[in-house]
Amino acid sequence: MTLQMHYQEKYEQGLEQGLERGREEEREQSKRQFALRMLEAGKLSVEEISMYSGLSAEQVLELEKEMQPV
């Protein structure tokens, strides 16, 4: 393997890792937005929102705190 091929391989690995990280962050943001909409509706418990959104109950509670006026 030439040095150029090695660098190309490492570049491609890094690019894929960065893309995957971006996709994961986007999925997490979508879950948070979904949970926020459910919290705003005010009809579901934290446990239900956690189950439907895929977030932990702690994450839902944190979002709920963020919604509270200071």
Protein backbone atom coordinates (compact mmCIF):
# COMPACT_ATOMS: atom_id res chain seq x y z
CA MET A 1 0.00 0.00 0.00
CA THR A 2 1.40 3.37 -0.96
CA LEU A 3 1.41 6.32 1.38
CA GLN A 4 -1.16 8.07 -0.80
CA MET A 5 -3.48 5.04 -0.62
CA HIS A 6 -3.06 4.96 3.17
CA TYR A 7 -3.99 8.64 3.47
CA GLN A 8 -6.98 8.14 1.16
CA GLU A 9 -8.20 5.24 3.28
CA LYS A 10 -7.85 7.25 6.49
CA TYR A 11 -9.61 10.22 4.87
CA GLU A 12 -12.53 8.03 3.83
CA GLN A 13 -12.76 6.49 7.32
CA GLY A 14 -12.80 9.93 8.91
CA LEU A 15 -15.39 11.18 6.47
CA GLU A 16 -17.68 8.24 7.19
CA GLN A 17 -17.27 8.70 10.94
CA GLY A 18 -18.15 12.38 10.63
CA LEU A 19 -21.20 11.64 8.51
CA GLU A 20 -22.41 9.01 10.98
CA ARG A 21 -21.94 11.42 13.88
CA GLY A 22 -23.97 14.03 12.00
CA ARG A 23 -26.76 11.53 11.29
CA GLU A 24 -26.86 10.52 14.96
CA GLU A 25 -27.07 14.15 16.08
CA GLU A 26 -29.90 14.72 13.61
CA ARG A 27 -31.80 11.68 14.95
CA GLU A 28 -31.34 12.91 18.52
CA GLN A 29 -32.57 16.39 17.58
CA SER A 30 -35.65 14.88 15.91
CA LYS A 31 -36.42 12.90 19.06
CA ARG A 32 -36.09 16.06 21.16
CA GLN A 33 -38.41 18.03 18.86
CA PHE A 34 -40.96 15.21 18.92
CA ALA A 35 -40.84 15.10 22.74
CA LEU A 36 -41.16 18.89 22.96
CA ARG A 37 -44.33 18.81 20.86
CA MET A 38 -45.78 16.14 23.14
CA LEU A 39 -44.84 18.13 26.24
CA GLU A 40 -46.45 21.24 24.78
CA ALA A 41 -49.67 19.30 24.17
CA GLY A 42 -49.67 18.45 27.88
CA LYS A 43 -51.68 15.23 27.49
CA LEU A 44 -49.03 12.57 28.12
CA SER A 45 -46.95 11.59 31.11
CA VAL A 46 -43.17 11.81 31.10
CA GLU A 47 -43.03 8.01 30.92
CA GLU A 48 -45.31 7.92 27.86
CA ILE A 49 -43.33 10.64 26.12
CA SER A 50 -40.14 8.75 26.89
CA MET A 51 -41.57 5.55 25.44
CA TYR A 52 -42.90 7.21 22.26
CA SER A 53 -39.93 9.50 21.59
CA GLY A 54 -37.10 7.12 22.40
CA LEU A 55 -35.60 9.56 24.90
CA SER A 56 -34.95 8.61 28.49
CA ALA A 57 -37.29 9.90 31.20
CA GLU A 58 -34.40 12.04 32.46
CA GLN A 59 -33.99 13.64 29.04
CA VAL A 60 -37.74 14.36 28.87
CA LEU A 61 -37.65 15.92 32.33
CA GLU A 62 -34.71 18.07 31.24
CA LEU A 63 -36.67 19.26 28.20
CA GLU A 64 -39.61 20.02 30.45
CA LYS A 65 -37.36 22.15 32.68
CA GLU A 66 -36.04 24.00 29.62
CA MET A 67 -39.62 24.88 28.69
CA GLN A 68 -40.28 26.51 32.07
CA PRO A 69 -40.04 30.30 32.10
CA VAL A 70 -37.21 31.58 34.26
